[in-house]
Amino acid sequence: MKEPNIEQMKLDVGLPKNTFFHGFLIHNPEQDDFLLSYKSNRSTDLKSYCQTPETAHRFMKFKKAYKALKELEIEDRAIIVAAFDLNNQILIVGPEAFKDRFLADSDNPFRTNEVKH
């Protein structure tokens, strides 16, 4: 999986260059939740999820997020998204290939389809 270019992502979604990069998150689009914590070893994989990107586990390096995705064996149902802090909300940007899954209807009460400035 190719590491995304953060500056290009900002341009692609129309964010100002000075928008703060919050980190990479692991997101399950079908459940509309985010990886909160995890522990992976040979005998067990422990993971918990949360509904908001604000409380999700942040990876500052894409390689570490990808490694966790593989170790937890959830790459069939979860994706790595980039999160940007807009001061009053966290905006997540997913890979174009997952756009349909990413924008599906959700019962998550914390989700919004509009960016608040």
C-alpha atoms as a PDB file:
ATOM      1  CA  MET A   1       0.000   0.000   0.000  1.00  0.00           C
ATOM      2  CA  LYS A   2       1.412   3.359  -1.014  1.00  0.00           C
ATOM      3  CA  GLU A   3       1.830   6.070   1.622  1.00  0.00           C
ATOM      4  CA  PRO A   4      -0.432   9.037   0.876  1.00  0.00           C
ATOM      5  CA  ASN A   5       0.968  12.520   0.425  1.00  0.00           C
ATOM      6  CA  ILE A   6      -0.588  14.650   3.185  1.00  0.00           C
ATOM      7  CA  GLU A   7      -0.079  17.962   1.387  1.00  0.00           C
ATOM      8  CA  GLN A   8      -1.701  16.599  -1.772  1.00  0.00           C
ATOM      9  CA  MET A   9      -4.636  15.276   0.259  1.00  0.00           C
ATOM     10  CA  LYS A  10      -5.183  18.750   1.693  1.00  0.00           C
ATOM     11  CA  LEU A  11      -5.253  20.198  -1.821  1.00  0.00           C
ATOM     12  CA  ASP A  12      -7.566  17.465  -3.111  1.00  0.00           C
ATOM     13  CA  VAL A  13     -10.229  18.195  -0.484  1.00  0.00           C
ATOM     14  CA  GLY A  14      -9.787  21.971  -0.524  1.00  0.00           C
ATOM     15  CA  LEU A  15      -8.147  22.429   2.874  1.00  0.00           C
ATOM     16  CA  PRO A  16      -5.754  25.317   3.517  1.00  0.00           C
ATOM     17  CA  LYS A  17      -2.064  24.381   3.497  1.00  0.00           C
ATOM     18  CA  ASN A  18      -1.743  25.277   7.177  1.00  0.00           C
ATOM     19  CA  THR A  19      -4.430  22.762   8.278  1.00  0.00           C
ATOM     20  CA  PHE A  20      -3.048  20.650  11.130  1.00  0.00           C
ATOM     21  CA  PHE A  21      -2.561  16.950  10.326  1.00  0.00           C
ATOM     22  CA  HIS A  22      -4.094  15.042  13.256  1.00  0.00           C
ATOM     23  CA  GLY A  23      -2.708  11.623  12.246  1.00  0.00           C
ATOM     24  CA  PHE A  24      -3.656   8.403  10.505  1.00  0.00           C
ATOM     25  CA  LEU A  25      -6.590   6.435  11.917  1.00  0.00           C
ATOM     26  CA  ILE A  26      -7.910   2.951  11.281  1.00  0.00           C
ATOM     27  CA  HIS A  27     -11.567   3.158  10.287  1.00  0.00           C
ATOM     28  CA  ASN A  28     -14.184   0.479   9.666  1.00  0.00           C
ATOM     29  CA  PRO A  29     -16.621   2.095   7.175  1.00  0.00           C
ATOM     30  CA  GLU A  30     -19.338  -0.554   7.601  1.00  0.00           C
ATOM     31  CA  GLN A  31     -19.472  -0.191  11.396  1.00  0.00           C
ATOM     32  CA  ASP A  32     -18.518   3.496  11.149  1.00  0.00           C
ATOM     33  CA  ASP A  33     -16.099   3.218  14.035  1.00  0.00           C
ATOM     34  CA  PHE A  34     -12.400   3.763  14.663  1.00  0.00           C
ATOM     35  CA  LEU A  35      -9.698   1.718  16.335  1.00  0.00           C
ATOM     36  CA  LEU A  36      -9.348   3.027  19.893  1.00  0.00           C
ATOM     37  CA  SER A  37      -6.701   0.682  21.273  1.00  0.00           C
ATOM     38  CA  TYR A  38      -5.050  -2.598  20.433  1.00  0.00           C
ATOM     39  CA  LYS A  39      -2.572  -5.140  21.606  1.00  0.00           C
ATOM     40  CA  SER A  40      -1.296  -7.785  19.271  1.00  0.00           C
ATOM     41  CA  ASN A  41       0.930 -10.741  20.046  1.00  0.00           C
ATOM     42  CA  ARG A  42       1.263 -14.376  19.008  1.00  0.00           C
ATOM     43  CA  SER A  43      -1.501 -15.676  21.233  1.00  0.00           C
ATOM     44  CA  THR A  44      -4.152 -12.964  20.991  1.00  0.00           C
ATOM     45  CA  ASP A  45      -5.319  -9.779  19.351  1.00  0.00           C
ATOM     46  CA  LEU A  46      -7.134  -7.382  21.652  1.00  0.00           C
ATOM     47  CA  LYS A  47      -8.799  -4.360  20.118  1.00  0.00           C
ATOM     48  CA  SER A  48     -11.461  -1.858  21.041  1.00  0.00           C
ATOM     49  CA  TYR A  49     -13.297   0.698  18.946  1.00  0.00           C
ATOM     50  CA  CYS A  50     -14.828   4.139  19.396  1.00  0.00           C
ATOM     51  CA  GLN A  51     -17.287   6.230  17.376  1.00  0.00           C
ATOM     52  CA  THR A  52     -15.310   9.442  17.058  1.00  0.00           C
ATOM     53  CA  PRO A  53     -12.036  10.262  15.321  1.00  0.00           C
ATOM     54  CA  GLU A  54     -11.137  12.598  18.202  1.00  0.00           C
ATOM     55  CA  THR A  55     -10.663   9.669  20.592  1.00  0.00           C
ATOM     56  CA  ALA A  56      -9.296   7.121  18.101  1.00  0.00           C
ATOM     57  CA  HIS A  57      -5.744   5.832  18.270  1.00  0.00           C
ATOM     58  CA  ARG A  58      -3.562   8.159  16.192  1.00  0.00           C
ATOM     59  CA  PHE A  59      -0.637   6.953  14.147  1.00  0.00           C
ATOM     60  CA  MET A  60       1.722   9.718  13.087  1.00  0.00           C
ATOM     61  CA  LYS A  61       3.391   7.402  10.573  1.00  0.00           C
ATOM     62  CA  PHE A  62       1.443   5.644   7.837  1.00  0.00           C
ATOM     63  CA  LYS A  63       3.766   2.618   8.060  1.00  0.00           C
ATOM     64  CA  LYS A  64       2.796   2.060  11.701  1.00  0.00           C
ATOM     65  CA  ALA A  65      -0.923   2.250  10.893  1.00  0.00           C
ATOM     66  CA  TYR A  66      -0.449  -0.204   8.042  1.00  0.00           C
ATOM     67  CA  LYS A  67       1.541  -2.561  10.279  1.00  0.00           C
ATOM     68  CA  ALA A  68      -1.253  -2.523  12.891  1.00  0.00           C
ATOM     69  CA  LEU A  69      -3.889  -3.137  10.197  1.00  0.00           C
ATOM     70  CA  LYS A  70      -1.954  -6.203   9.004  1.00  0.00           C
ATOM     71  CA  GLU A  71      -1.106  -7.520  12.499  1.00  0.00           C
ATOM     72  CA  LEU A  72      -4.737  -7.307  13.582  1.00  0.00           C
ATOM     73  CA  GLU A  73      -5.807  -8.971  10.320  1.00  0.00           C
ATOM     74  CA  ILE A  74      -8.576  -6.436   9.672  1.00  0.00           C
ATOM     75  CA  GLU A  75      -7.490  -5.205   6.237  1.00  0.00           C
ATOM     76  CA  ASP A  76     -10.586  -6.888   4.737  1.00  0.00           C
ATOM     77  CA  ARG A  77     -12.935  -4.584   6.676  1.00  0.00           C
ATOM     78  CA  ALA A  78     -10.944  -1.534   7.789  1.00  0.00           C
ATOM     79  CA  ILE A  79      -9.060   1.231   5.997  1.00  0.00           C
ATOM     80  CA  ILE A  80      -6.452   3.794   6.926  1.00  0.00           C
ATOM     81  CA  VAL A  81      -7.735   7.360   6.803  1.00  0.00           C
ATOM     82  CA  ALA A  82      -6.015  10.697   7.282  1.00  0.00           C
ATOM     83  CA  ALA A  83      -7.433  13.012   9.938  1.00  0.00           C
ATOM     84  CA  PHE A  84      -7.185  16.804   9.909  1.00  0.00           C
ATOM     85  CA  ASP A  85      -7.953  19.087  12.839  1.00  0.00           C
ATOM     86  CA  LEU A  86     -10.223  21.974  11.837  1.00  0.00           C
ATOM     87  CA  ASN A  87     -10.322  23.345  15.426  1.00  0.00           C
ATOM     88  CA  ASN A  88     -14.036  22.622  15.862  1.00  0.00           C
ATOM     89  CA  GLN A  89     -14.046  19.143  14.319  1.00  0.00           C
ATOM     90  CA  ILE A  90     -11.828  16.399  12.949  1.00  0.00           C
ATOM     91  CA  LEU A  91     -12.190  15.804   9.224  1.00  0.00           C
ATOM     92  CA  ILE A  92     -11.272  12.353   7.964  1.00  0.00           C
ATOM     93  CA  VAL A  93     -10.234  11.700   4.393  1.00  0.00           C
ATOM     94  CA  GLY A  94     -10.257   8.191   3.006  1.00  0.00           C
ATOM     95  CA  PRO A  95      -8.729   6.614  -0.065  1.00  0.00           C
ATOM     96  CA  GLU A  96     -10.619   7.239  -3.314  1.00  0.00           C
ATOM     97  CA  ALA A  97     -10.995   3.478  -3.868  1.00  0.00           C
ATOM     98  CA  PHE A  98     -13.194   3.269  -0.748  1.00  0.00           C
ATOM     99  CA  LYS A  99     -15.308   6.346  -1.443  1.00  0.00           C
ATOM    100  CA  ASP A 100     -18.612   4.448  -1.780  1.00  0.00           C
ATOM    101  CA  ARG A 101     -18.104   2.501   1.458  1.00  0.00           C
ATOM    102  CA  PHE A 102     -16.780   5.571   3.242  1.00  0.00           C
ATOM    103  CA  LEU A 103     -19.777   7.758   2.370  1.00  0.00           C
ATOM    104  CA  ALA A 104     -22.453   5.154   3.122  1.00  0.00           C
ATOM    105  CA  ASP A 105     -25.327   6.068   5.436  1.00  0.00           C
ATOM    106  CA  SER A 106     -24.529   5.753   9.107  1.00  0.00           C
ATOM    107  CA  ASP A 107     -26.301   5.577  12.459  1.00  0.00           C
ATOM    108  CA  ASN A 108     -23.266   7.127  14.155  1.00  0.00           C
ATOM    109  CA  PRO A 109     -24.628  10.173  16.022  1.00  0.00           C
ATOM    110  CA  PHE A 110     -21.221  11.869  15.861  1.00  0.00           C
ATOM    111  CA  ARG A 111     -20.972  11.765  12.088  1.00  0.00           C
ATOM    112  CA  THR A 112     -21.699  14.759   9.896  1.00  0.00           C
ATOM    113  CA  ASN A 113     -21.571  15.169   6.135  1.00  0.00           C
ATOM    114  CA  GLU A 114     -20.749  18.854   6.279  1.00  0.00           C
ATOM    115  CA  VAL A 115     -17.546  20.620   7.185  1.00  0.00           C
ATOM    116  CA  LYS A 116     -18.013  23.317   9.812  1.00  0.00           C
ATOM    117  CA  HIS A 117     -15.697  26.300   9.523  1.00  0.00           C
END
